[in-house]
């Protein structure tokens, strides 16, 4: 049982695998109510702020901001660690229409931020964007209908005509450590799939602005989310664009469906690194491309020590771009350099032509996988 201590009460989640994060919060929550008087509010229970941004401006680092049901407009820029807790995600709504992102959590000053029980909707790009922060928790949120006017980069070989966002996911983590994304509903977003985790360097894949701040993304946990019916991109993506890499991230107990691909670990730029990442106990069904993809795409990539285990994969499509011509459950592809030391074990694959499809893999360990209504269980190209 994971416990997130919020000063006035605790949020508990049932997953035993979740890492506990404890943040020390100032005494006395700050209150927000959309029906409140906007003038001279104090943030007390009897005199709440009208907007979440008013509360953010007032709150000290470590504050708890309690948000009453209602529709709040605009975007939130969080640069110091706070807890923002909605009453219920179905009724506590941040409408980010015409905003770049719904919520930005930026920099080490925002370490320890917790966002829970909100709906974030209608942003032009990301619903929630976390960059260069650690120990952030995103839990029990609904992230829906974002990417409304996305600045997503075109697919190669087309060239961008101006600044664009490579990874424009509804929930995007860039250069983060020990971030937990748990029990969120990510549905009906329009730009680039569901949840993304990337490193940061010469390329900042989540932002229009490029940066020379190099940061790996490591020890993040994407747990027990439902990611479905999102257009334009893959459900959950762990991707590296720099040598610093995406390392030791866990994707566990998620339900991913009706996207471009299900769950992907890949290298997106030359000399990038993806190491020791785990995909386990997920359900990946009815995606346009294969359900789980491990993909090294460019020269100098290091993609190694991935574990894919105890997943249920069914009814997904194929990836003609790498030469996969029939419905495939789990795909491993090294386009230029091999994919190394991948363990694919104890998965249940059904209703596919290929159960496991491998191209240019070295040290691939297959054992204990089961197949139903699959023509070729294990295929090596």
Protein backbone atom coordinates (compact mmCIF):
# COMPACT_ATOMS: atom_id res chain seq x y z
CA UNK A 1 0.00 0.00 0.00
CA UNK A 2 1.52 3.30 -1.09
CA UNK A 3 0.81 6.31 1.11
CA UNK A 4 1.12 9.91 -0.06
CA UNK A 5 1.15 12.10 3.04
CA UNK A 6 -0.64 15.38 2.40
CA UNK A 7 -0.54 17.04 5.80
CA UNK A 8 -4.28 16.86 6.45
CA UNK A 9 -4.92 13.33 5.23
CA UNK A 10 -3.38 10.56 3.17
CA UNK A 11 -4.06 9.24 -0.31
CA UNK A 12 -3.69 5.49 -0.44
CA UNK A 13 -3.38 3.31 -3.52
CA UNK A 14 -3.75 -0.46 -3.63
CA UNK A 15 -0.72 -1.37 -5.75
CA UNK A 16 1.94 -3.03 -3.68
CA UNK A 17 4.55 -2.23 -6.34
CA UNK A 18 4.12 1.53 -6.00
CA UNK A 19 7.01 3.37 -4.41
CA UNK A 20 5.98 5.42 -1.38
CA UNK A 21 6.75 9.13 -1.61
CA UNK A 22 6.50 11.30 1.47
CA UNK A 23 6.44 15.08 1.13
CA UNK A 24 6.45 17.46 4.08
CA UNK A 25 3.61 19.96 3.69
CA UNK A 26 2.93 23.18 5.54
CA UNK A 27 0.07 23.08 8.00
CA UNK A 28 -3.27 24.49 6.90
CA UNK A 29 -4.50 23.79 3.37
CA UNK A 30 -5.33 26.56 0.90
CA UNK A 31 -8.88 26.34 -0.49
CA UNK A 32 -10.24 27.09 -3.97
CA UNK A 33 -13.87 27.29 -5.09
CA UNK A 34 -15.03 28.43 -8.53
CA UNK A 35 -18.10 30.10 -7.00
CA UNK A 36 -16.07 32.20 -4.52
CA UNK A 37 -15.73 35.96 -4.38
CA UNK A 38 -12.66 36.93 -6.42
CA UNK A 39 -11.75 40.00 -4.35
CA UNK A 40 -9.55 39.92 -1.22
CA UNK A 41 -9.89 36.19 -0.58
CA UNK A 42 -7.70 34.62 2.08
CA UNK A 43 -7.80 30.99 0.95
CA UNK A 44 -9.48 29.80 4.14
CA UNK A 45 -12.36 27.28 4.09
CA UNK A 46 -14.86 30.12 4.58
CA UNK A 47 -13.11 32.52 2.17
CA UNK A 48 -11.58 30.41 -0.63
CA UNK A 49 -9.79 31.66 -3.69
CA UNK A 50 -11.77 31.68 -6.93
CA UNK A 51 -8.98 30.29 -9.15
CA UNK A 52 -6.25 27.71 -8.75
CA UNK A 53 -3.71 30.24 -10.01
CA UNK A 54 -4.62 32.61 -7.17
CA UNK A 55 -3.93 29.78 -4.74
CA UNK A 56 -0.62 28.95 -6.43
CA UNK A 57 0.49 32.58 -6.16
CA UNK A 58 -0.40 32.61 -2.45
CA UNK A 59 0.81 29.16 -1.47
CA UNK A 60 4.24 28.54 -0.04
CA UNK A 61 6.35 25.58 -1.16
CA UNK A 62 4.84 22.51 0.40
CA UNK A 63 1.29 23.87 0.49
CA UNK A 64 -1.80 21.73 0.02
CA UNK A 65 -4.32 23.31 -2.36
CA UNK A 66 -7.82 21.87 -1.99
CA UNK A 67 -9.97 22.45 -5.09
CA UNK A 68 -13.77 22.28 -4.85
CA UNK A 69 -15.88 20.89 -7.71
CA UNK A 70 -16.29 23.28 -10.61
CA UNK A 71 -14.84 24.29 -13.95
CA UNK A 72 -11.60 26.29 -13.79
CA UNK A 73 -10.10 27.87 -16.90
CA UNK A 74 -6.56 28.64 -18.03
CA UNK A 75 -3.33 26.78 -17.38
CA UNK A 76 -1.19 26.13 -14.31
CA UNK A 77 2.57 26.73 -14.12
CA UNK A 78 4.00 24.96 -11.07
CA UNK A 79 7.57 25.85 -10.15
CA UNK A 80 7.54 25.03 -6.42
CA UNK A 81 6.43 21.78 -4.83
CA UNK A 82 2.75 21.78 -3.89
CA UNK A 83 -0.10 19.34 -3.68
CA UNK A 84 -3.14 20.20 -5.81
CA UNK A 85 -6.04 17.96 -4.86
CA UNK A 86 -9.41 18.10 -6.55
CA UNK A 87 -12.51 16.86 -4.81
CA UNK A 88 -13.32 14.37 -7.56
CA UNK A 89 -11.86 14.08 -11.06
CA UNK A 90 -15.33 13.83 -12.60
CA UNK A 91 -16.41 17.18 -11.21
CA UNK A 92 -13.18 19.16 -10.63
CA UNK A 93 -12.17 20.30 -14.11
CA UNK A 94 -9.35 22.39 -15.53
CA UNK A 95 -10.47 23.57 -18.97
CA UNK A 96 -7.22 24.60 -20.70
CA UNK A 97 -8.85 25.68 -23.95
CA UNK A 98 -6.51 27.90 -26.05
CA UNK A 99 -3.58 27.20 -23.68
CA UNK A 100 -0.25 25.66 -24.74
CA UNK A 101 -0.46 23.04 -21.97
CA UNK A 102 -2.90 22.34 -19.18
CA UNK A 103 -0.42 21.96 -16.31
CA UNK A 104 3.36 22.57 -16.44
CA UNK A 105 5.51 21.21 -13.60
CA UNK A 106 8.94 22.67 -14.32
CA UNK A 107 12.34 22.52 -12.62
CA UNK A 108 13.81 21.12 -9.41
CA UNK A 109 11.92 23.70 -7.37
CA UNK A 110 8.76 21.75 -8.24
CA UNK A 111 10.14 18.48 -6.84
CA UNK A 112 7.55 16.63 -4.77
CA UNK A 113 4.51 18.11 -6.51
CA UNK A 114 1.37 15.95 -6.31
CA UNK A 115 -1.60 16.44 -8.64
CA UNK A 116 -4.68 14.37 -7.96
CA UNK A 117 -8.40 14.10 -8.67
CA UNK A 118 -8.58 16.59 -11.53
CA UNK A 119 -9.80 16.50 -15.10
CA UNK A 120 -7.41 18.30 -17.45
CA UNK A 121 -8.95 18.92 -20.86
CA UNK A 122 -8.80 20.88 -24.13
CA UNK A 123 -5.16 22.06 -24.05
CA UNK A 124 -3.53 22.74 -27.41
CA UNK A 125 -0.68 20.34 -26.59
CA UNK A 126 0.11 18.46 -23.38
CA UNK A 127 -2.48 18.00 -20.66
CA UNK A 128 0.24 17.59 -17.99
CA UNK A 129 3.90 18.33 -18.78
CA UNK A 130 6.68 17.58 -16.25
CA UNK A 131 10.25 18.67 -17.00
CA UNK A 132 13.46 18.44 -14.96
CA UNK A 133 11.62 17.53 -11.74
CA UNK A 134 11.67 14.53 -9.42
CA UNK A 135 9.36 12.79 -6.96
CA UNK A 136 6.27 14.13 -8.69
CA UNK A 137 3.03 12.14 -8.37
CA UNK A 138 0.17 12.30 -10.89
CA UNK A 139 -2.65 10.17 -9.51
CA UNK A 140 -6.39 9.69 -10.09
CA UNK A 141 -6.65 12.29 -12.85
CA UNK A 142 -8.64 12.31 -16.10
CA UNK A 143 -6.61 13.67 -19.02
CA UNK A 144 -9.00 13.97 -21.93
CA UNK A 145 -9.36 15.78 -25.27
CA UNK A 146 -5.97 17.51 -25.26
CA UNK A 147 -3.82 18.15 -28.33
CA UNK A 148 -6.62 20.28 -29.77
CA UNK A 149 -4.29 22.54 -31.81
CA UNK A 150 -1.05 20.60 -31.55
CA UNK A 151 2.33 21.75 -32.83
CA UNK A 152 3.39 18.17 -33.45
CA UNK A 153 6.34 17.56 -35.79
CA UNK A 154 5.52 15.91 -39.13
CA UNK A 155 6.55 12.32 -39.70
CA UNK A 156 9.80 11.75 -41.63
CA UNK A 157 10.72 12.22 -44.42
CA UNK A 158 8.63 15.41 -44.19
CA UNK A 159 10.59 18.32 -42.72
CA UNK A 160 9.29 20.72 -40.08
CA UNK A 161 8.61 24.22 -41.36
CA UNK A 162 9.06 25.76 -37.91
CA UNK A 163 9.38 24.86 -34.21
CA UNK A 164 7.41 21.76 -33.35
CA UNK A 165 7.01 19.19 -30.57
CA UNK A 166 8.40 15.70 -31.20
CA UNK A 167 6.66 14.00 -28.27
CA UNK A 168 3.31 15.71 -27.74
CA UNK A 169 1.63 13.30 -25.34
CA UNK A 170 -1.32 14.16 -23.05
CA UNK A 171 0.99 13.26 -20.13
CA UNK A 172 4.68 13.90 -20.87
CA UNK A 173 7.71 13.47 -18.59
CA UNK A 174 11.02 14.95 -19.80
CA UNK A 175 14.25 14.59 -17.81
CA UNK A 176 12.47 13.31 -14.70
CA UNK A 177 13.38 10.94 -11.88
CA UNK A 178 11.19 8.97 -9.49
CA UNK A 179 7.95 10.29 -10.95
CA UNK A 180 4.82 8.18 -10.46
CA UNK A 181 1.96 8.33 -12.97
CA UNK A 182 -0.74 6.13 -11.47
CA UNK A 183 -4.44 5.40 -11.84
CA UNK A 184 -5.07 8.07 -14.46
CA UNK A 185 -7.59 7.89 -17.31
CA UNK A 186 -6.01 9.10 -20.56
CA UNK A 187 -8.65 9.02 -23.25
CA UNK A 188 -9.83 10.74 -26.44
CA UNK A 189 -6.76 12.93 -26.84
CA UNK A 190 -6.06 14.21 -30.33
CA UNK A 191 -2.32 14.73 -30.90
CA UNK A 192 0.16 11.98 -30.04
CA UNK A 193 -1.18 9.06 -28.08
CA UNK A 194 -1.10 8.71 -24.30
CA UNK A 195 1.85 8.84 -21.85
CA UNK A 196 5.49 9.60 -22.72
CA UNK A 197 8.81 9.48 -20.85
CA UNK A 198 11.94 10.90 -22.50
CA UNK A 199 15.38 12.22 -21.64
CA UNK A 200 16.49 15.79 -22.40
CA UNK A 201 19.50 17.33 -24.12
CA UNK A 202 20.18 18.91 -27.50
CA UNK A 203 16.67 17.75 -28.28
CA UNK A 204 13.87 18.52 -25.86
CA UNK A 205 11.21 16.26 -27.37
CA UNK A 206 8.35 17.66 -25.27
CA UNK A 207 8.77 21.38 -25.93
CA UNK A 208 9.09 23.92 -28.72
CA UNK A 209 12.22 25.23 -26.97
CA UNK A 210 15.47 23.34 -27.40
CA UNK A 211 17.91 23.10 -24.52
CA UNK A 212 21.49 22.21 -23.66
CA UNK A 213 20.49 20.95 -20.21
CA UNK A 214 21.23 17.23 -20.29
CA UNK A 215 19.12 15.03 -18.04
CA UNK A 216 18.26 11.35 -18.11
CA UNK A 217 14.79 10.06 -17.25
CA UNK A 218 15.12 7.28 -14.73
CA UNK A 219 13.20 5.31 -12.13
CA UNK A 220 9.83 6.62 -13.27
CA UNK A 221 6.78 4.41 -12.79
CA UNK A 222 3.78 4.35 -15.13
CA UNK A 223 1.31 2.22 -13.20
CA UNK A 224 -2.32 1.13 -13.48
CA UNK A 225 -3.42 3.76 -16.00
CA UNK A 226 -6.11 3.33 -18.65
CA UNK A 227 -4.91 4.69 -21.99
CA UNK A 228 -7.42 4.29 -24.81
CA UNK A 229 -8.83 5.91 -27.94
CA UNK A 230 -6.03 8.45 -28.30
CA UNK A 231 -5.19 9.55 -31.83
CA UNK A 232 -1.93 10.19 -33.62
CA UNK A 233 0.53 8.29 -31.44
CA UNK A 234 1.33 5.29 -29.29
CA UNK A 235 -0.24 4.52 -25.93
CA UNK A 236 2.79 4.54 -23.61
CA UNK A 237 6.25 5.44 -24.93
CA UNK A 238 9.64 5.32 -23.19
CA UNK A 239 11.99 7.03 -25.67
CA UNK A 240 15.55 8.32 -25.69
CA UNK A 241 16.92 11.18 -27.77
CA UNK A 242 20.33 11.57 -26.09
CA UNK A 243 23.19 9.60 -24.57
CA UNK A 244 21.94 10.32 -21.03
CA UNK A 245 19.06 7.98 -21.67
CA UNK A 246 15.87 6.52 -20.31
CA UNK A 247 16.95 4.10 -17.62
CA UNK A 248 15.19 1.76 -15.20
CA UNK A 249 11.66 2.96 -15.89
CA UNK A 250 8.70 0.67 -15.18
CA UNK A 251 5.46 0.35 -17.16
CA UNK A 252 3.16 -1.89 -15.12
CA UNK A 253 -0.52 -2.90 -14.91
CA UNK A 254 -1.70 -0.45 -17.56
CA UNK A 255 -4.54 -1.03 -20.03
CA UNK A 256 -3.60 0.30 -23.46
CA UNK A 257 -5.94 0.01 -26.42
CA UNK A 258 -7.16 1.57 -29.66
CA UNK A 259 -4.02 3.62 -30.27
CA UNK A 260 -1.32 3.61 -32.95
CA UNK A 261 0.84 1.14 -31.03
CA UNK A 262 0.41 -0.12 -27.49
CA UNK A 263 3.61 0.21 -25.41
CA UNK A 264 6.94 1.25 -26.95
CA UNK A 265 10.54 1.44 -25.75
CA UNK A 266 12.78 3.04 -28.34
CA UNK A 267 15.68 5.25 -29.34
CA UNK A 268 14.68 8.27 -31.39
CA UNK A 269 18.00 9.94 -32.28
CA UNK A 270 21.60 8.82 -33.01
CA UNK A 271 23.73 7.73 -30.04
CA UNK A 272 20.81 7.59 -27.62
CA UNK A 273 20.38 5.15 -24.75
CA UNK A 274 17.54 3.05 -23.33
CA UNK A 275 18.60 0.64 -20.59
CA UNK A 276 17.02 -1.63 -17.98
CA UNK A 277 13.40 -0.68 -18.64
CA UNK A 278 10.54 -3.01 -17.68
CA UNK A 279 7.14 -3.67 -19.25
CA UNK A 280 5.11 -6.03 -17.08
CA UNK A 281 1.54 -7.08 -16.33
CA UNK A 282 0.02 -4.76 -18.92
CA UNK A 283 -2.87 -5.35 -21.31
CA UNK A 284 -2.25 -4.14 -24.88
CA UNK A 285 -5.13 -4.88 -27.22
CA UNK A 286 -6.62 -3.67 -30.48
CA UNK A 287 -3.88 -1.23 -31.42
CA UNK A 288 -3.13 -0.32 -35.06
CA UNK A 289 0.55 -1.37 -34.74
CA UNK A 290 1.92 -4.21 -32.56
CA UNK A 291 0.92 -4.30 -28.91
CA UNK A 292 4.48 -4.02 -27.53
CA UNK A 293 7.42 -2.65 -29.54
CA UNK A 294 11.14 -2.59 -28.64
CA UNK A 295 12.74 -0.51 -31.40
CA UNK A 296 16.27 0.84 -32.01
CA UNK A 297 16.00 3.19 -34.98
CA UNK A 298 19.22 5.14 -35.57
CA UNK A 299 23.05 4.72 -35.65
CA UNK A 300 24.89 4.45 -32.35
CA UNK A 301 21.81 3.56 -30.32
CA UNK A 302 22.10 1.46 -27.18
CA UNK A 303 18.85 -0.36 -26.42
CA UNK A 304 19.53 -3.16 -23.97
CA UNK A 305 18.34 -5.14 -20.95
CA UNK A 306 14.62 -4.61 -21.54
CA UNK A 307 12.26 -6.97 -19.72
CA UNK A 308 8.83 -7.73 -21.20
CA UNK A 309 6.92 -10.11 -18.96
CA UNK A 310 3.45 -11.20 -17.81
CA UNK A 311 1.65 -9.03 -20.35
CA UNK A 312 -1.61 -9.82 -22.17
CA UNK A 313 -1.38 -8.87 -25.85
CA UNK A 314 -4.22 -9.44 -28.32
CA UNK A 315 -5.68 -8.30 -31.61
CA UNK A 316 -3.04 -5.74 -32.60
CA UNK A 317 -1.72 -4.78 -36.03
CA UNK A 318 1.58 -4.95 -37.91
CA UNK A 319 4.44 -2.52 -38.64
CA UNK A 320 5.28 -2.48 -42.35
CA UNK A 321 7.96 0.18 -41.74
CA UNK A 322 10.30 -2.49 -40.34
CA UNK A 323 9.13 -5.30 -42.64
CA UNK A 324 6.49 -6.78 -40.36
CA UNK A 325 3.66 -7.68 -42.74
CA UNK A 326 1.11 -9.38 -40.47
CA UNK A 327 -0.65 -8.77 -37.15
CA UNK A 328 1.92 -8.95 -34.36
CA UNK A 329 1.79 -9.11 -30.60
CA UNK A 330 5.36 -8.24 -29.53
CA UNK A 331 7.92 -6.77 -31.95
CA UNK A 332 11.69 -6.32 -31.52
CA UNK A 333 13.54 -4.43 -34.26
CA UNK A 334 17.07 -3.09 -34.63
CA UNK A 335 16.97 -0.95 -37.75
CA UNK A 336 20.69 0.00 -37.87
CA UNK A 337 22.21 -1.54 -34.74
CA UNK A 338 20.93 -4.59 -32.82
CA UNK A 339 18.58 -4.61 -29.88
CA UNK A 340 20.50 -6.38 -27.10
CA UNK A 341 19.67 -8.64 -24.15
CA UNK A 342 15.89 -8.47 -24.20
CA UNK A 343 13.89 -10.86 -22.02
CA UNK A 344 10.38 -11.72 -23.25
CA UNK A 345 8.82 -14.10 -20.75
CA UNK A 346 5.48 -15.38 -19.49
CA UNK A 347 3.40 -13.23 -21.83
CA UNK A 348 -0.02 -14.29 -23.11
CA UNK A 349 -0.38 -13.48 -26.82
CA UNK A 350 -3.57 -14.17 -28.74
CA UNK A 351 -5.36 -13.32 -31.99
CA UNK A 352 -2.21 -12.32 -33.87
CA UNK A 353 -0.43 -13.75 -36.91
CA UNK A 354 2.99 -13.41 -35.26
CA UNK A 355 3.23 -13.86 -31.53
CA UNK A 356 6.78 -12.47 -31.24
CA UNK A 357 8.52 -10.91 -34.27
CA UNK A 358 12.28 -10.25 -34.10
CA UNK A 359 14.65 -8.48 -36.47
CA UNK A 360 18.32 -7.84 -35.60
CA UNK A 361 18.10 -8.88 -31.97
CA UNK A 362 21.11 -10.18 -30.03
CA UNK A 363 20.75 -12.05 -26.75
CA UNK A 364 16.96 -12.29 -26.92
CA UNK A 365 15.70 -14.55 -24.15
CA UNK A 366 12.29 -16.10 -24.79
CA UNK A 367 10.64 -18.40 -22.27
CA UNK A 368 7.27 -19.28 -20.82
CA UNK A 369 5.16 -17.34 -23.33
CA UNK A 370 1.75 -18.72 -24.27
CA UNK A 371 -0.08 -18.31 -27.57
CA UNK A 372 -3.68 -18.71 -28.72
CA UNK A 373 -4.96 -18.24 -32.26
CA UNK A 374 -1.44 -17.30 -33.39
CA UNK A 375 -0.03 -18.59 -36.70
CA UNK A 376 3.70 -18.17 -35.96
CA UNK A 377 4.60 -18.03 -32.28
CA UNK A 378 8.21 -16.87 -32.64
CA UNK A 379 9.47 -15.39 -35.90
CA UNK A 380 12.98 -14.13 -36.58
CA UNK A 381 13.54 -12.13 -39.74
